[in-house]
Amino acid sequence: MLTIPKELQQAVRASHGRPLRLTDPETHAEYVLLHADMYDQLHRLLYHATPLTPDERRAVLIQAGLRAGWDDPEMDVDNALDPRVIQCENLLTYDQALILRVLGRLSATAMEQMNTGLKAALGIP
């Protein structure tokens, strides 16, 4: 195992646990140095061997939505629906020509929160 040189040790301490971006001066390639615990956590999320159950997927989506502010009253478009819960297996794309009428619209803020939550839940940067 390699050890960290003094200059890098100081930079790691100054980052206060946040990932540290490094650049190779010769190739200009960028690398990210992060604490092993954080790497292990990310690795488990990205390379989990078994798919999530529907209940686990629902819990992850709910948490992502809450972090994105989906509990904001603006999100209550229709009391009969719960817009804060989305099951990704039910997402479909329709040709706009097939839409007969519009029942309502989300505000720009609510739409931004929706996009942020979906990206977080689906792992899209």
C-alpha atoms as a PDB file:
ATOM      1  CA  MET A   1       0.000   0.000   0.000  1.00  0.00           C
ATOM      2  CA  LEU A   2       1.272   3.491  -0.842  1.00  0.00           C
ATOM      3  CA  THR A   3       1.635   6.151   1.832  1.00  0.00           C
ATOM      4  CA  ILE A   4       0.548   9.755   1.438  1.00  0.00           C
ATOM      5  CA  PRO A   5       3.327  12.364   1.060  1.00  0.00           C
ATOM      6  CA  LYS A   6       3.386  15.280   3.545  1.00  0.00           C
ATOM      7  CA  GLU A   7       2.061  17.857   1.047  1.00  0.00           C
ATOM      8  CA  LEU A   8      -0.940  15.656   0.296  1.00  0.00           C
ATOM      9  CA  GLN A   9      -1.503  14.918   4.007  1.00  0.00           C
ATOM     10  CA  GLN A  10      -1.854  18.664   4.616  1.00  0.00           C
ATOM     11  CA  ALA A  11      -4.325  19.025   1.739  1.00  0.00           C
ATOM     12  CA  VAL A  12      -6.369  16.073   3.030  1.00  0.00           C
ATOM     13  CA  ARG A  13      -6.541  17.597   6.531  1.00  0.00           C
ATOM     14  CA  ALA A  14      -7.506  20.985   5.086  1.00  0.00           C
ATOM     15  CA  SER A  15     -10.377  19.362   3.125  1.00  0.00           C
ATOM     16  CA  HIS A  16     -12.089  18.398   6.442  1.00  0.00           C
ATOM     17  CA  GLY A  17     -13.217  15.015   5.142  1.00  0.00           C
ATOM     18  CA  ARG A  18     -14.520  16.232   1.792  1.00  0.00           C
ATOM     19  CA  PRO A  19     -13.257  14.552  -1.397  1.00  0.00           C
ATOM     20  CA  LEU A  20     -10.081  16.138  -2.753  1.00  0.00           C
ATOM     21  CA  ARG A  21      -9.631  16.735  -6.507  1.00  0.00           C
ATOM     22  CA  LEU A  22      -6.079  16.161  -7.816  1.00  0.00           C
ATOM     23  CA  THR A  23      -4.557  16.853 -11.239  1.00  0.00           C
ATOM     24  CA  ASP A  24      -1.647  14.968 -12.790  1.00  0.00           C
ATOM     25  CA  PRO A  25       0.700  17.733 -13.993  1.00  0.00           C
ATOM     26  CA  GLU A  26       1.964  15.641 -16.909  1.00  0.00           C
ATOM     27  CA  THR A  27      -1.269  14.178 -18.311  1.00  0.00           C
ATOM     28  CA  HIS A  28      -3.701  16.747 -16.854  1.00  0.00           C
ATOM     29  CA  ALA A  29      -5.924  13.824 -15.850  1.00  0.00           C
ATOM     30  CA  GLU A  30      -8.064  14.530 -12.797  1.00  0.00           C
ATOM     31  CA  TYR A  31      -8.494  12.196  -9.845  1.00  0.00           C
ATOM     32  CA  VAL A  32     -10.596  12.341  -6.710  1.00  0.00           C
ATOM     33  CA  LEU A  33      -9.169  11.273  -3.376  1.00  0.00           C
ATOM     34  CA  LEU A  34     -11.743  10.380  -0.769  1.00  0.00           C
ATOM     35  CA  HIS A  35     -11.793   8.678   2.608  1.00  0.00           C
ATOM     36  CA  ALA A  36     -11.974   4.880   2.407  1.00  0.00           C
ATOM     37  CA  ASP A  37     -15.283   4.801   4.321  1.00  0.00           C
ATOM     38  CA  MET A  38     -16.854   7.130   1.759  1.00  0.00           C
ATOM     39  CA  TYR A  39     -15.452   5.038  -1.104  1.00  0.00           C
ATOM     40  CA  ASP A  40     -16.826   1.840   0.464  1.00  0.00           C
ATOM     41  CA  GLN A  41     -20.239   3.443   0.879  1.00  0.00           C
ATOM     42  CA  LEU A  42     -20.288   4.628  -2.763  1.00  0.00           C
ATOM     43  CA  HIS A  43     -19.023   1.272  -3.974  1.00  0.00           C
ATOM     44  CA  ARG A  44     -21.841  -0.520  -2.177  1.00  0.00           C
ATOM     45  CA  LEU A  45     -24.393   1.841  -3.734  1.00  0.00           C
ATOM     46  CA  LEU A  46     -23.002   1.616  -7.255  1.00  0.00           C
ATOM     47  CA  TYR A  47     -22.094  -2.060  -7.371  1.00  0.00           C
ATOM     48  CA  HIS A  48     -24.679  -3.685  -5.148  1.00  0.00           C
ATOM     49  CA  ALA A  49     -24.973  -7.269  -6.369  1.00  0.00           C
ATOM     50  CA  THR A  50     -28.696  -7.685  -5.802  1.00  0.00           C
ATOM     51  CA  PRO A  51     -31.341  -5.331  -7.169  1.00  0.00           C
ATOM     52  CA  LEU A  52     -33.483  -3.362  -4.751  1.00  0.00           C
ATOM     53  CA  THR A  53     -36.831  -4.794  -3.804  1.00  0.00           C
ATOM     54  CA  PRO A  54     -39.857  -2.638  -4.667  1.00  0.00           C
ATOM     55  CA  ASP A  55     -40.098  -1.571  -0.990  1.00  0.00           C
ATOM     56  CA  GLU A  56     -36.380  -0.646  -0.866  1.00  0.00           C
ATOM     57  CA  ARG A  57     -36.663   1.259  -4.154  1.00  0.00           C
ATOM     58  CA  ARG A  58     -39.734   3.111  -2.856  1.00  0.00           C
ATOM     59  CA  ALA A  59     -37.884   4.057   0.358  1.00  0.00           C
ATOM     60  CA  VAL A  60     -34.893   5.363  -1.613  1.00  0.00           C
ATOM     61  CA  LEU A  61     -37.146   7.413  -3.881  1.00  0.00           C
ATOM     62  CA  ILE A  62     -39.091   8.860  -0.959  1.00  0.00           C
ATOM     63  CA  GLN A  63     -35.880   9.909   0.801  1.00  0.00           C
ATOM     64  CA  ALA A  64     -34.524  11.470  -2.408  1.00  0.00           C
ATOM     65  CA  GLY A  65     -37.787  13.341  -2.899  1.00  0.00           C
ATOM     66  CA  LEU A  66     -37.772  14.666   0.652  1.00  0.00           C
ATOM     67  CA  ARG A  67     -34.168  15.848   0.225  1.00  0.00           C
ATOM     68  CA  ALA A  68     -35.276  17.641  -2.951  1.00  0.00           C
ATOM     69  CA  GLY A  69     -38.085  19.419  -1.078  1.00  0.00           C
ATOM     70  CA  TRP A  70     -41.027  17.406  -2.360  1.00  0.00           C
ATOM     71  CA  ASP A  71     -42.796  17.876   0.960  1.00  0.00           C
ATOM     72  CA  ASP A  72     -43.261  21.543  -0.030  1.00  0.00           C
ATOM     73  CA  PRO A  73     -46.991  22.459  -0.176  1.00  0.00           C
ATOM     74  CA  GLU A  74     -46.481  23.578  -3.810  1.00  0.00           C
ATOM     75  CA  MET A  75     -46.033  19.915  -4.652  1.00  0.00           C
ATOM     76  CA  ASP A  76     -49.624  19.134  -3.605  1.00  0.00           C
ATOM     77  CA  VAL A  77     -50.979  19.481  -7.146  1.00  0.00           C
ATOM     78  CA  ASP A  78     -53.828  17.056  -6.598  1.00  0.00           C
ATOM     79  CA  ASN A  79     -54.837  15.714  -3.199  1.00  0.00           C
ATOM     80  CA  ALA A  80     -55.882  12.414  -4.801  1.00  0.00           C
ATOM     81  CA  LEU A  81     -52.284  11.780  -5.889  1.00  0.00           C
ATOM     82  CA  ASP A  82     -49.102  11.798  -3.862  1.00  0.00           C
ATOM     83  CA  PRO A  83     -46.560  13.517  -6.165  1.00  0.00           C
ATOM     84  CA  ARG A  84     -43.762  12.850  -3.711  1.00  0.00           C
ATOM     85  CA  VAL A  85     -43.748   9.128  -4.446  1.00  0.00           C
ATOM     86  CA  ILE A  86     -42.725   7.867  -7.857  1.00  0.00           C
ATOM     87  CA  GLN A  87     -42.235   4.269  -8.867  1.00  0.00           C
ATOM     88  CA  CYS A  88     -39.709   4.411 -11.678  1.00  0.00           C
ATOM     89  CA  GLU A  89     -40.957   1.201 -13.229  1.00  0.00           C
ATOM     90  CA  ASN A  90     -44.176   3.089 -14.048  1.00  0.00           C
ATOM     91  CA  LEU A  91     -42.534   6.040 -15.808  1.00  0.00           C
ATOM     92  CA  LEU A  92     -43.459   6.232 -19.465  1.00  0.00           C
ATOM     93  CA  THR A  93     -42.908   8.685 -22.291  1.00  0.00           C
ATOM     94  CA  TYR A  94     -45.897   9.678 -24.397  1.00  0.00           C
ATOM     95  CA  ASP A  95     -46.079  11.564 -27.662  1.00  0.00           C
ATOM     96  CA  GLN A  96     -47.581  14.984 -26.870  1.00  0.00           C
ATOM     97  CA  ALA A  97     -50.077  14.495 -29.722  1.00  0.00           C
ATOM     98  CA  LEU A  98     -51.731  11.739 -27.636  1.00  0.00           C
ATOM     99  CA  ILE A  99     -52.472  14.090 -24.718  1.00  0.00           C
ATOM    100  CA  LEU A 100     -56.132  15.124 -24.890  1.00  0.00           C
ATOM    101  CA  ARG A 101     -56.212  17.663 -22.060  1.00  0.00           C
ATOM    102  CA  VAL A 102     -53.985  19.099 -19.337  1.00  0.00           C
ATOM    103  CA  LEU A 103     -55.276  18.730 -15.786  1.00  0.00           C
ATOM    104  CA  GLY A 104     -52.765  21.064 -14.169  1.00  0.00           C
ATOM    105  CA  ARG A 105     -49.198  22.312 -14.233  1.00  0.00           C
ATOM    106  CA  LEU A 106     -46.349  22.306 -11.769  1.00  0.00           C
ATOM    107  CA  SER A 107     -44.716  25.596 -10.894  1.00  0.00           C
ATOM    108  CA  ALA A 108     -41.174  26.138 -12.182  1.00  0.00           C
ATOM    109  CA  THR A 109     -39.892  25.608  -8.628  1.00  0.00           C
ATOM    110  CA  ALA A 110     -41.834  22.371  -8.192  1.00  0.00           C
ATOM    111  CA  MET A 111     -40.673  21.106 -11.601  1.00  0.00           C
ATOM    112  CA  GLU A 112     -37.049  21.860 -10.690  1.00  0.00           C
ATOM    113  CA  GLN A 113     -37.507  19.952  -7.417  1.00  0.00           C
ATOM    114  CA  MET A 114     -39.035  17.046  -9.337  1.00  0.00           C
ATOM    115  CA  ASN A 115     -36.082  16.944 -11.732  1.00  0.00           C
ATOM    116  CA  THR A 116     -33.580  17.151  -8.870  1.00  0.00           C
ATOM    117  CA  GLY A 117     -35.260  14.310  -6.991  1.00  0.00           C
ATOM    118  CA  LEU A 118     -35.500  12.055 -10.048  1.00  0.00           C
ATOM    119  CA  LYS A 119     -31.850  12.665 -10.938  1.00  0.00           C
ATOM    120  CA  ALA A 120     -30.804  11.883  -7.366  1.00  0.00           C
ATOM    121  CA  ALA A 121     -32.915   8.730  -7.226  1.00  0.00           C
ATOM    122  CA  LEU A 122     -31.718   7.496 -10.601  1.00  0.00           C
ATOM    123  CA  GLY A 123     -28.070   8.450 -10.059  1.00  0.00           C
ATOM    124  CA  ILE A 124     -27.964  10.968 -12.905  1.00  0.00           C
ATOM    125  CA  PRO A 125     -25.472  13.815 -12.363  1.00  0.00           C
END
